[in-house]
Structure formats: C-alpha cells, structure tokens
C-alpha cells in the first residue's frame, strides 16, 4: 500500500479514518442516518415471530407424526418427543443470540435491512452481549407492561433510539440500506 492510498476500513465500523486525525475525542455511536427505523424493527420482529412459529409447528408436527407411527413401540415415541421438544427449547433459547453474534441480524432483520451492532464501534455483538440482549427482553416480557415499555422505549430514546434491552447490552439497531 502506498502512502497515498487510504487504509482499509474495518467492516461495519462507523467512522472513516481521516488524516490528520481530528482533534478531541472521537465520537461514540452511529450517525443519525445509520439508525434503523421503528417500522422496520417492528416488521423484523413480526417476521422473526412467524419464522419461529413455523419452525416450532414443523418440529411439533414431526414429533406427533413419529409418535403416531410408533404405536407398537412407546419408547421410540417417547424418545422422539424428548428430542423434538428439546430441539424446540434450543431453538427458542438460541435463535436470536446466535444470529446476532454470528451475523449481526436474524432472518427478519436481514429481510428488513437491519442489523444489531455494538454501540461503541459498530461491530457484531459478542455472544455474551447478544445473549444478554435477548435474555433481558425475555425477562421483561414476564413483568406486566414492562415488556411493552421495553419495545416502545426506542420511540422516545435519544439519540440512538435504543430499547431497554439494547441499553442493557450496549447495542444499537442499524440500517444496512443507504
């Protein structure tokens, strides 16, 4: 690389490096145009719910089919039930955290042009942060009205339009479309 070429930007970072570096502290967080809008976030949540429901119905249907086909051998039906319902539990617990950790977005967010990133530098969440983000949202859903307040919080939060579960994990939802 010659001295006249600019260095490669880190993937999914917020800020282009400038030469000479600006004086003072570097800004933290994404520029306002990079934030995902609330309509796209709601659509992504709806799509993820549909995908999860379809996957759960498929697994449950397979378990019931196997149990009905194995009328003569109850132990095979019981093993199929344990494996199938364990798979449902794993999918429920791991879908969002693993997708946010590995690619920054669930399938619903990808379709809607969104991704979840760390607030401080725009990179993908670590597995711990992704799991904390999901788990706090999950727990808030059990407290009356807190689950609703959690998802509506992004409507009035400034400047990064974070929900409460985003604040817990220090994450932000960004658009992938210009």
N, C-alpha and C. Protein backbone atom coordinates (compact mmCIF):
# COMPACT_ATOMS: atom_id res chain seq x y z
N UNK A 1 0.87 -1.18 0.00
CA UNK A 1 0.00 0.00 0.00
C UNK A 1 0.90 1.23 0.00
N UNK A 2 0.68 2.12 -0.96
CA UNK A 2 1.49 3.33 -0.99
C UNK A 2 0.97 4.31 0.04
N UNK A 3 1.74 5.34 0.28
CA UNK A 3 1.34 6.30 1.31
C UNK A 3 0.18 7.17 0.85
N UNK A 4 -0.21 7.08 -0.44
CA UNK A 4 -1.31 7.89 -0.92
C UNK A 4 -2.64 7.14 -0.93
N UNK A 5 -2.60 5.85 -0.63
CA UNK A 5 -3.84 5.09 -0.57
C UNK A 5 -4.37 5.13 0.86
N UNK A 6 -5.68 5.17 0.98
CA UNK A 6 -6.27 5.16 2.32
C UNK A 6 -6.30 3.73 2.84
N UNK A 7 -6.14 3.54 4.14
CA UNK A 7 -6.18 2.18 4.70
C UNK A 7 -7.58 1.60 4.59
N UNK A 8 -7.66 0.28 4.62
CA UNK A 8 -8.95 -0.41 4.57
C UNK A 8 -9.75 -0.08 5.82
N UNK A 9 -11.04 0.19 5.65
CA UNK A 9 -11.90 0.43 6.80
C UNK A 9 -12.29 -0.90 7.41
N UNK A 10 -12.38 -0.94 8.72
CA UNK A 10 -12.84 -2.13 9.40
C UNK A 10 -14.27 -2.40 9.00
N UNK A 11 -14.66 -3.66 8.80
CA UNK A 11 -16.04 -3.93 8.40
C UNK A 11 -17.03 -3.47 9.45
N UNK A 12 -18.09 -2.85 9.00
CA UNK A 12 -19.20 -2.41 9.83
C UNK A 12 -18.82 -1.36 10.86
N UNK A 13 -17.71 -0.67 10.68
CA UNK A 13 -17.38 0.42 11.60
C UNK A 13 -18.23 1.64 11.27
N UNK A 14 -18.18 2.62 12.13
CA UNK A 14 -18.97 3.83 11.92
C UNK A 14 -18.22 4.90 11.16
N UNK A 15 -16.97 5.09 11.49
CA UNK A 15 -16.28 6.29 11.06
C UNK A 15 -15.15 5.96 10.12
N UNK A 16 -15.04 6.74 9.06
CA UNK A 16 -13.91 6.63 8.15
C UNK A 16 -12.70 7.26 8.84
N UNK A 17 -11.54 6.63 8.75
CA UNK A 17 -10.35 7.28 9.31
C UNK A 17 -10.02 8.53 8.50
N UNK A 18 -9.60 9.57 9.16
CA UNK A 18 -9.23 10.80 8.48
C UNK A 18 -7.80 11.14 8.83
N UNK A 19 -7.12 11.78 7.87
CA UNK A 19 -5.73 12.18 8.08
C UNK A 19 -5.62 13.66 7.84
N UNK A 20 -5.13 14.43 8.73
CA UNK A 20 -4.72 14.05 10.09
C UNK A 20 -5.94 13.77 10.96
N UNK A 21 -5.76 13.00 12.04
CA UNK A 21 -6.90 12.69 12.91
C UNK A 21 -7.49 13.97 13.49
N UNK A 22 -8.81 14.00 13.68
CA UNK A 22 -9.43 15.20 14.24
C UNK A 22 -8.99 15.40 15.69
N UNK A 23 -8.95 16.66 16.09
CA UNK A 23 -8.58 16.97 17.47
C UNK A 23 -9.74 16.65 18.38
N UNK A 24 -9.47 16.25 19.59
CA UNK A 24 -10.51 15.96 20.56
C UNK A 24 -10.92 14.50 20.51
N UNK A 25 -11.85 14.14 21.39
CA UNK A 25 -12.26 12.74 21.46
C UNK A 25 -13.07 12.34 20.22
N UNK A 26 -12.92 11.09 19.83
CA UNK A 26 -13.68 10.58 18.70
C UNK A 26 -15.14 10.40 19.10
N UNK A 27 -16.06 10.66 18.19
CA UNK A 27 -17.47 10.49 18.53
C UNK A 27 -17.81 9.02 18.78
N UNK A 28 -18.73 8.77 19.70
CA UNK A 28 -19.16 7.42 20.03
C UNK A 28 -20.57 7.24 19.50
N UNK A 29 -20.79 6.14 18.82
CA UNK A 29 -22.12 5.83 18.33
C UNK A 29 -22.27 6.13 16.86
N UNK A 30 -23.34 5.64 16.28
CA UNK A 30 -23.56 5.81 14.84
C UNK A 30 -24.09 7.19 14.50
N UNK A 31 -23.89 7.61 13.28
CA UNK A 31 -24.53 8.85 12.84
C UNK A 31 -26.04 8.63 12.74
N UNK A 32 -26.84 9.68 12.88
CA UNK A 32 -28.30 9.52 12.89
C UNK A 32 -28.87 8.80 11.67
N UNK A 33 -28.30 8.97 10.51
CA UNK A 33 -28.81 8.32 9.31
C UNK A 33 -28.60 6.82 9.28
N UNK A 34 -27.76 6.30 10.16
CA UNK A 34 -27.46 4.87 10.16
C UNK A 34 -28.41 4.07 11.04
N UNK A 35 -29.25 4.75 11.83
CA UNK A 35 -30.14 4.05 12.75
C UNK A 35 -31.31 3.41 12.01
N UNK A 36 -31.69 2.22 12.44
CA UNK A 36 -32.84 1.54 11.87
C UNK A 36 -34.13 2.19 12.34
N UNK A 37 -35.11 2.33 11.45
CA UNK A 37 -36.35 2.98 11.87
C UNK A 37 -37.27 1.99 12.58
N UNK A 38 -38.21 2.53 13.32
CA UNK A 38 -39.08 1.71 14.16
C UNK A 38 -40.01 0.81 13.35
N UNK A 39 -40.46 1.27 12.21
CA UNK A 39 -41.33 0.44 11.37
C UNK A 39 -40.62 -0.81 10.88
N UNK A 40 -39.38 -0.65 10.45
CA UNK A 40 -38.59 -1.80 10.00
C UNK A 40 -38.30 -2.74 11.17
N UNK A 41 -38.06 -2.17 12.36
CA UNK A 41 -37.81 -3.01 13.53
C UNK A 41 -39.04 -3.83 13.89
N UNK A 42 -40.22 -3.22 13.81
CA UNK A 42 -41.46 -3.94 14.11
C UNK A 42 -41.71 -5.03 13.06
N UNK A 43 -41.48 -4.71 11.80
CA UNK A 43 -41.66 -5.71 10.75
C UNK A 43 -40.70 -6.88 10.93
N UNK A 44 -39.46 -6.59 11.30
CA UNK A 44 -38.47 -7.64 11.52
C UNK A 44 -38.87 -8.53 12.69
N UNK A 45 -39.39 -7.94 13.76
CA UNK A 45 -39.85 -8.73 14.92
C UNK A 45 -41.01 -9.63 14.52
N UNK A 46 -41.93 -9.09 13.71
CA UNK A 46 -43.07 -9.88 13.24
C UNK A 46 -42.59 -11.05 12.38
N UNK A 47 -41.70 -10.79 11.43
CA UNK A 47 -41.19 -11.85 10.56
C UNK A 47 -40.46 -12.93 11.37
N UNK A 48 -39.65 -12.51 12.34
CA UNK A 48 -38.95 -13.49 13.18
C UNK A 48 -39.95 -14.34 13.97
N UNK A 49 -41.03 -13.73 14.43
CA UNK A 49 -42.07 -14.48 15.13
C UNK A 49 -42.72 -15.51 14.22
N UNK A 50 -42.98 -15.12 12.97
CA UNK A 50 -43.57 -16.05 12.01
C UNK A 50 -42.61 -17.20 11.73
N UNK A 51 -41.33 -16.89 11.52
CA UNK A 51 -40.34 -17.94 11.25
C UNK A 51 -40.22 -18.90 12.43
N UNK A 52 -40.21 -18.36 13.64
CA UNK A 52 -40.11 -19.20 14.83
C UNK A 52 -41.35 -20.09 14.96
N UNK A 53 -42.51 -19.52 14.73
CA UNK A 53 -43.75 -20.29 14.83
C UNK A 53 -43.77 -21.42 13.81
N UNK A 54 -43.36 -21.13 12.58
CA UNK A 54 -43.33 -22.17 11.55
C UNK A 54 -42.34 -23.29 11.92
N UNK A 55 -41.18 -22.92 12.44
CA UNK A 55 -40.20 -23.93 12.84
C UNK A 55 -40.73 -24.78 13.99
N UNK A 56 -41.37 -24.14 14.96
CA UNK A 56 -41.91 -24.88 16.09
C UNK A 56 -43.05 -25.81 15.67
N UNK A 57 -43.91 -25.33 14.79
CA UNK A 57 -45.00 -26.18 14.29
C UNK A 57 -44.47 -27.36 13.50
N UNK A 58 -43.42 -27.14 12.72
CA UNK A 58 -42.82 -28.22 11.95
C UNK A 58 -42.24 -29.30 12.86
N UNK A 59 -41.48 -28.88 13.87
CA UNK A 59 -40.88 -29.86 14.80
C UNK A 59 -41.97 -30.57 15.59
N UNK A 60 -42.94 -29.82 16.10
CA UNK A 60 -44.02 -30.46 16.86
C UNK A 60 -44.81 -31.42 15.98
N UNK A 61 -45.05 -31.05 14.73
CA UNK A 61 -45.75 -31.94 13.81
C UNK A 61 -44.98 -33.22 13.54
N UNK A 62 -43.66 -33.11 13.38
CA UNK A 62 -42.84 -34.30 13.19
C UNK A 62 -42.86 -35.20 14.41
N UNK A 63 -42.82 -34.62 15.59
CA UNK A 63 -42.87 -35.41 16.82
C UNK A 63 -44.19 -36.16 16.91
N UNK A 64 -45.28 -35.48 16.65
CA UNK A 64 -46.61 -36.12 16.71
C UNK A 64 -46.71 -37.22 15.65
N UNK A 65 -46.19 -36.96 14.46
CA UNK A 65 -46.22 -37.97 13.40
C UNK A 65 -45.43 -39.21 13.81
N UNK A 66 -44.24 -39.01 14.35
CA UNK A 66 -43.42 -40.15 14.78
C UNK A 66 -44.11 -40.91 15.90
N UNK A 67 -44.70 -40.18 16.84
CA UNK A 67 -45.39 -40.84 17.94
C UNK A 67 -46.60 -41.63 17.44
N UNK A 68 -47.30 -41.14 16.46
CA UNK A 68 -48.45 -41.86 15.92
C UNK A 68 -48.04 -43.07 15.08
N UNK A 69 -46.90 -42.97 14.42
CA UNK A 69 -46.42 -44.09 13.61
C UNK A 69 -45.82 -45.21 14.45
N UNK A 70 -45.41 -44.90 15.66
CA UNK A 70 -44.77 -45.90 16.52
C UNK A 70 -45.72 -46.35 17.62
N UNK A 71 -46.92 -46.72 17.24
CA UNK A 71 -47.93 -47.15 18.21
C UNK A 71 -47.47 -48.41 18.92
N UNK A 72 -46.77 -49.30 18.19
CA UNK A 72 -46.33 -50.56 18.79
C UNK A 72 -45.17 -50.37 19.76
N UNK A 73 -44.38 -49.33 19.58
CA UNK A 73 -43.20 -49.14 20.42
C UNK A 73 -43.27 -47.76 21.07
N UNK A 74 -43.73 -47.73 22.30
CA UNK A 74 -43.89 -46.45 23.00
C UNK A 74 -42.56 -45.78 23.32
N UNK A 75 -41.50 -46.57 23.48
CA UNK A 75 -40.21 -45.97 23.84
C UNK A 75 -39.66 -45.11 22.69
N UNK A 76 -39.87 -45.52 21.45
CA UNK A 76 -39.42 -44.71 20.31
C UNK A 76 -40.20 -43.40 20.27
N UNK A 77 -41.50 -43.46 20.50
CA UNK A 77 -42.31 -42.24 20.53
C UNK A 77 -41.89 -41.31 21.65
N UNK A 78 -41.55 -41.89 22.80
CA UNK A 78 -41.11 -41.06 23.93
C UNK A 78 -39.76 -40.41 23.63
N UNK A 79 -38.83 -41.16 23.04
CA UNK A 79 -37.52 -40.59 22.68
C UNK A 79 -37.70 -39.49 21.64
N UNK A 80 -38.57 -39.71 20.66
CA UNK A 80 -38.83 -38.68 19.64
C UNK A 80 -39.40 -37.43 20.29
N UNK A 81 -40.28 -37.59 21.27
CA UNK A 81 -40.84 -36.44 21.97
C UNK A 81 -39.79 -35.67 22.74
N UNK A 82 -38.92 -36.40 23.45
CA UNK A 82 -37.87 -35.73 24.23
C UNK A 82 -36.91 -34.98 23.30
N UNK A 83 -36.49 -35.63 22.23
CA UNK A 83 -35.56 -34.99 21.28
C UNK A 83 -36.24 -33.81 20.60
N UNK A 84 -37.47 -33.98 20.15
CA UNK A 84 -38.18 -32.91 19.44
C UNK A 84 -38.44 -31.70 20.32
N UNK A 85 -38.94 -31.95 21.51
CA UNK A 85 -39.24 -30.81 22.38
C UNK A 85 -37.98 -30.18 22.95
N UNK A 86 -36.90 -30.94 23.07
CA UNK A 86 -35.61 -30.35 23.44
C UNK A 86 -35.11 -29.45 22.31
N UNK A 87 -35.31 -29.89 21.07
CA UNK A 87 -34.91 -29.07 19.92
C UNK A 87 -35.70 -27.76 19.90
N UNK A 88 -36.97 -27.82 20.23
CA UNK A 88 -37.78 -26.60 20.31
C UNK A 88 -37.20 -25.66 21.36
N UNK A 89 -36.84 -26.18 22.51
CA UNK A 89 -36.25 -25.35 23.57
C UNK A 89 -34.95 -24.72 23.14
N UNK A 90 -34.11 -25.48 22.46
CA UNK A 90 -32.83 -24.95 21.99
C UNK A 90 -33.06 -23.84 20.97
N UNK A 91 -34.01 -24.05 20.05
CA UNK A 91 -34.30 -23.02 19.05
C UNK A 91 -34.80 -21.75 19.73
N UNK A 92 -35.69 -21.89 20.68
CA UNK A 92 -36.22 -20.71 21.39
C UNK A 92 -35.13 -19.95 22.13
N UNK A 93 -34.21 -20.69 22.74
CA UNK A 93 -33.17 -20.05 23.54
C UNK A 93 -32.01 -19.50 22.71
N UNK A 94 -31.77 -20.06 21.54
CA UNK A 94 -30.54 -19.73 20.82
C UNK A 94 -30.72 -18.97 19.51
N UNK A 95 -31.91 -18.94 18.93
CA UNK A 95 -32.08 -18.34 17.61
C UNK A 95 -31.55 -16.91 17.56
N UNK A 96 -32.12 -16.03 18.38
CA UNK A 96 -31.71 -14.63 18.33
C UNK A 96 -30.27 -14.40 18.77
N UNK A 97 -29.85 -14.92 19.94
CA UNK A 97 -28.47 -14.64 20.34
C UNK A 97 -27.42 -15.15 19.36
N UNK A 98 -27.61 -16.34 18.84
CA UNK A 98 -26.61 -16.89 17.92
C UNK A 98 -26.60 -16.11 16.60
N UNK A 99 -27.76 -15.76 16.10
CA UNK A 99 -27.82 -14.99 14.84
C UNK A 99 -27.19 -13.60 15.01
N UNK A 100 -27.46 -12.94 16.13
CA UNK A 100 -26.87 -11.62 16.35
C UNK A 100 -25.36 -11.72 16.55
N UNK A 101 -24.92 -12.78 17.17
CA UNK A 101 -23.49 -12.97 17.40
C UNK A 101 -22.76 -13.29 16.09
N UNK A 102 -23.29 -14.21 15.32
CA UNK A 102 -22.60 -14.67 14.11
C UNK A 102 -22.70 -13.68 12.95
N UNK A 103 -23.90 -13.13 12.70
CA UNK A 103 -24.07 -12.31 11.51
C UNK A 103 -24.58 -10.90 11.80
N UNK A 104 -24.96 -10.62 13.03
CA UNK A 104 -25.46 -9.30 13.36
C UNK A 104 -26.95 -9.12 13.12
N UNK A 105 -27.60 -10.13 12.55
CA UNK A 105 -29.02 -9.97 12.25
C UNK A 105 -29.72 -11.33 12.18
N UNK A 106 -30.96 -11.35 12.61
CA UNK A 106 -31.81 -12.52 12.41
C UNK A 106 -32.32 -12.49 10.98
N UNK A 107 -33.04 -13.52 10.56
CA UNK A 107 -33.57 -13.54 9.20
C UNK A 107 -34.56 -12.40 8.97
N UNK A 108 -35.39 -12.10 9.97
CA UNK A 108 -36.33 -10.99 9.85
C UNK A 108 -35.62 -9.66 9.69
N UNK A 109 -34.55 -9.46 10.46
CA UNK A 109 -33.80 -8.21 10.35
C UNK A 109 -33.10 -8.11 9.00
N UNK A 110 -32.59 -9.21 8.49
CA UNK A 110 -31.94 -9.19 7.16
C UNK A 110 -32.94 -8.78 6.09
N UNK A 111 -34.14 -9.34 6.14
CA UNK A 111 -35.16 -9.01 5.15
C UNK A 111 -35.51 -7.53 5.23
N UNK A 112 -35.56 -7.00 6.44
CA UNK A 112 -35.95 -5.59 6.63
C UNK A 112 -34.76 -4.63 6.55
N UNK A 113 -33.57 -5.14 6.25
CA UNK A 113 -32.40 -4.27 6.08
C UNK A 113 -31.87 -3.72 7.38
N UNK A 114 -31.88 -4.52 8.43
CA UNK A 114 -31.40 -4.08 9.74
C UNK A 114 -30.29 -5.00 10.23
N UNK A 115 -29.51 -4.50 11.16
CA UNK A 115 -28.55 -5.32 11.88
C UNK A 115 -28.35 -4.74 13.26
N UNK A 116 -27.92 -5.60 14.20
CA UNK A 116 -27.65 -5.18 15.57
C UNK A 116 -26.14 -5.09 15.73
N UNK A 117 -25.67 -4.01 16.33
CA UNK A 117 -24.24 -3.79 16.48
C UNK A 117 -23.92 -3.24 17.86
N UNK A 118 -22.65 -3.29 18.20
CA UNK A 118 -22.20 -2.67 19.45
C UNK A 118 -22.27 -1.16 19.29
N UNK A 119 -22.73 -0.48 20.32
CA UNK A 119 -22.90 0.97 20.25
C UNK A 119 -21.56 1.67 20.09
N UNK A 120 -20.54 1.19 20.76
CA UNK A 120 -19.28 1.92 20.77
C UNK A 120 -18.50 1.88 19.46
N UNK A 121 -18.57 0.77 18.69
CA UNK A 121 -17.76 0.72 17.47
C UNK A 121 -18.47 0.14 16.25
N UNK A 122 -19.72 -0.30 16.37
CA UNK A 122 -20.46 -0.78 15.22
C UNK A 122 -20.19 -2.20 14.79
N UNK A 123 -19.40 -2.93 15.53
CA UNK A 123 -19.10 -4.32 15.18
C UNK A 123 -20.19 -5.25 15.71
N UNK A 124 -20.13 -6.52 15.27
CA UNK A 124 -21.09 -7.52 15.75
C UNK A 124 -20.99 -7.67 17.26
N UNK A 125 -22.10 -8.06 17.87
CA UNK A 125 -22.12 -8.31 19.31
C UNK A 125 -21.33 -9.58 19.63
N UNK A 126 -20.74 -9.61 20.81
CA UNK A 126 -20.16 -10.86 21.29
C UNK A 126 -21.32 -11.78 21.67
N UNK A 127 -21.03 -13.06 21.86
CA UNK A 127 -22.10 -13.98 22.25
C UNK A 127 -22.71 -13.56 23.58
N UNK A 128 -21.88 -13.12 24.52
CA UNK A 128 -22.38 -12.69 25.83
C UNK A 128 -23.33 -11.51 25.71
N UNK A 129 -22.95 -10.51 24.92
CA UNK A 129 -23.82 -9.35 24.73
C UNK A 129 -25.11 -9.72 24.01
N UNK A 130 -24.98 -10.57 23.01
CA UNK A 130 -26.18 -10.99 22.26
C UNK A 130 -27.13 -11.76 23.16
N UNK A 131 -26.58 -12.63 24.00
CA UNK A 131 -27.43 -13.40 24.90
C UNK A 131 -28.04 -12.49 25.97
N UNK A 132 -27.27 -11.54 26.50
CA UNK A 132 -27.79 -10.59 27.48
C UNK A 132 -28.92 -9.76 26.88
N UNK A 133 -28.77 -9.32 25.65
CA UNK A 133 -29.80 -8.53 24.97
C UNK A 133 -31.10 -9.33 24.87
N UNK A 134 -31.00 -10.59 24.45
CA UNK A 134 -32.18 -11.43 24.33
C UNK A 134 -32.77 -11.75 25.70
N UNK A 135 -31.93 -12.09 26.65
CA UNK A 135 -32.41 -12.53 27.96
C UNK A 135 -33.11 -11.40 28.71
N UNK A 136 -32.59 -10.17 28.64
CA UNK A 136 -33.27 -9.06 29.33
C UNK A 136 -34.63 -8.79 28.69
N UNK A 137 -34.72 -8.89 27.37
CA UNK A 137 -36.01 -8.71 26.71
C UNK A 137 -36.98 -9.82 27.12
N UNK A 138 -36.47 -11.04 27.19
CA UNK A 138 -37.28 -12.19 27.60
C UNK A 138 -37.81 -12.01 29.02
N UNK A 139 -36.94 -11.61 29.94
CA UNK A 139 -37.37 -11.41 31.33
C UNK A 139 -38.37 -10.28 31.47
N UNK A 140 -38.15 -9.18 30.75
CA UNK A 140 -39.07 -8.05 30.84
C UNK A 140 -40.46 -8.42 30.33
N UNK A 141 -40.54 -9.40 29.47
CA UNK A 141 -41.83 -9.85 28.96
C UNK A 141 -42.71 -10.48 30.02
N UNK A 142 -42.12 -10.94 31.12
CA UNK A 142 -42.89 -11.56 32.19
C UNK A 142 -43.44 -10.54 33.20
N UNK A 143 -42.92 -9.33 33.19
CA UNK A 143 -43.39 -8.29 34.10
C UNK A 143 -44.49 -7.51 33.40
N UNK A 144 -45.68 -7.40 34.03
CA UNK A 144 -46.78 -6.70 33.37
C UNK A 144 -46.38 -5.30 32.90
N UNK A 145 -46.64 -5.03 31.66
CA UNK A 145 -46.40 -3.76 30.97
C UNK A 145 -44.92 -3.44 30.74
N UNK A 146 -43.99 -4.08 31.43
CA UNK A 146 -42.58 -3.77 31.22
C UNK A 146 -42.12 -4.25 29.84
N UNK A 147 -42.62 -5.38 29.39
CA UNK A 147 -42.28 -5.86 28.05
C UNK A 147 -42.72 -4.88 26.98
N UNK A 148 -43.90 -4.29 27.16
CA UNK A 148 -44.40 -3.29 26.22
C UNK A 148 -43.56 -2.02 26.28
N UNK A 149 -43.24 -1.58 27.49
CA UNK A 149 -42.40 -0.38 27.66
C UNK A 149 -41.03 -0.62 27.01
N UNK A 150 -40.50 -1.83 27.16
CA UNK A 150 -39.20 -2.17 26.58
C UNK A 150 -39.19 -1.93 25.08
N UNK A 151 -40.15 -2.49 24.37
CA UNK A 151 -40.13 -2.36 22.90
C UNK A 151 -40.55 -0.97 22.42
N UNK A 152 -41.31 -0.23 23.23
CA UNK A 152 -41.70 1.12 22.84
C UNK A 152 -40.65 2.17 23.19
N UNK A 153 -39.69 1.80 24.03
CA UNK A 153 -38.70 2.76 24.52
C UNK A 153 -37.94 3.44 23.37
N UNK A 154 -37.75 2.73 22.26
CA UNK A 154 -37.00 3.30 21.14
C UNK A 154 -37.72 4.47 20.49
N UNK A 155 -39.02 4.63 20.75
CA UNK A 155 -39.77 5.74 20.16
C UNK A 155 -39.36 7.09 20.72
N UNK A 156 -38.93 7.13 21.98
CA UNK A 156 -38.58 8.42 22.59
C UNK A 156 -37.12 8.49 23.03
N UNK A 157 -36.38 7.41 22.89
CA UNK A 157 -34.98 7.44 23.31
C UNK A 157 -34.15 8.26 22.31
N UNK A 158 -33.34 9.12 22.85
CA UNK A 158 -32.46 9.95 22.04
C UNK A 158 -31.04 9.80 22.55
N UNK A 159 -30.04 9.78 21.77
CA UNK A 159 -30.03 9.98 20.32
C UNK A 159 -30.03 8.68 19.53
N UNK A 160 -29.93 7.51 20.18
CA UNK A 160 -29.70 6.26 19.45
C UNK A 160 -30.92 5.37 19.29
N UNK A 161 -32.10 5.79 19.72
CA UNK A 161 -33.35 5.04 19.56
C UNK A 161 -33.22 3.59 20.06
N UNK A 162 -32.65 3.44 21.26
CA UNK A 162 -32.46 2.12 21.83
C UNK A 162 -33.67 1.69 22.65
N UNK A 163 -34.00 0.40 22.59
CA UNK A 163 -34.95 -0.18 23.52
C UNK A 163 -34.20 -0.48 24.82
N UNK A 164 -34.93 -0.86 25.86
CA UNK A 164 -34.26 -1.14 27.13
C UNK A 164 -33.30 -2.32 27.02
N UNK A 165 -33.68 -3.34 26.23
CA UNK A 165 -32.76 -4.47 26.08
C UNK A 165 -31.51 -4.07 25.29
N UNK A 166 -31.59 -3.06 24.43
CA UNK A 166 -30.40 -2.54 23.76
C UNK A 166 -29.51 -1.81 24.75
N UNK A 167 -30.12 -1.07 25.65
CA UNK A 167 -29.33 -0.36 26.67
C UNK A 167 -28.60 -1.35 27.57
N UNK A 168 -29.28 -2.46 27.93
CA UNK A 168 -28.65 -3.46 28.80
C UNK A 168 -27.41 -4.07 28.14
N UNK A 169 -27.46 -4.27 26.83
CA UNK A 169 -26.34 -4.90 26.12
C UNK A 169 -25.43 -3.89 25.43
N UNK A 170 -25.70 -2.59 25.59
CA UNK A 170 -24.93 -1.54 24.94
C UNK A 170 -24.89 -1.78 23.42
N UNK A 171 -26.09 -2.02 22.86
CA UNK A 171 -26.20 -2.29 21.43
C UNK A 171 -27.13 -1.27 20.79
N UNK A 172 -27.12 -1.27 19.46
CA UNK A 172 -27.95 -0.36 18.69
C UNK A 172 -28.39 -1.09 17.42
N UNK A 173 -29.57 -0.74 16.90
CA UNK A 173 -30.06 -1.34 15.65
C UNK A 173 -29.79 -0.35 14.54
N UNK A 174 -29.10 -0.85 13.49
CA UNK A 174 -28.70 -0.02 12.37
C UNK A 174 -29.35 -0.50 11.09
N UNK A 175 -29.45 0.40 10.13
CA UNK A 175 -29.93 0.02 8.81
C UNK A 175 -28.76 -0.43 7.96
N UNK A 176 -29.02 -1.37 7.07
CA UNK A 176 -27.97 -1.82 6.15
C UNK A 176 -28.18 -1.22 4.77
N UNK A 177 -29.25 -0.46 4.63
CA UNK A 177 -29.58 0.16 3.35
C UNK A 177 -29.30 1.65 3.42
N UNK A 178 -28.75 2.21 2.36
CA UNK A 178 -28.47 3.66 2.38
C UNK A 178 -29.73 4.50 2.34
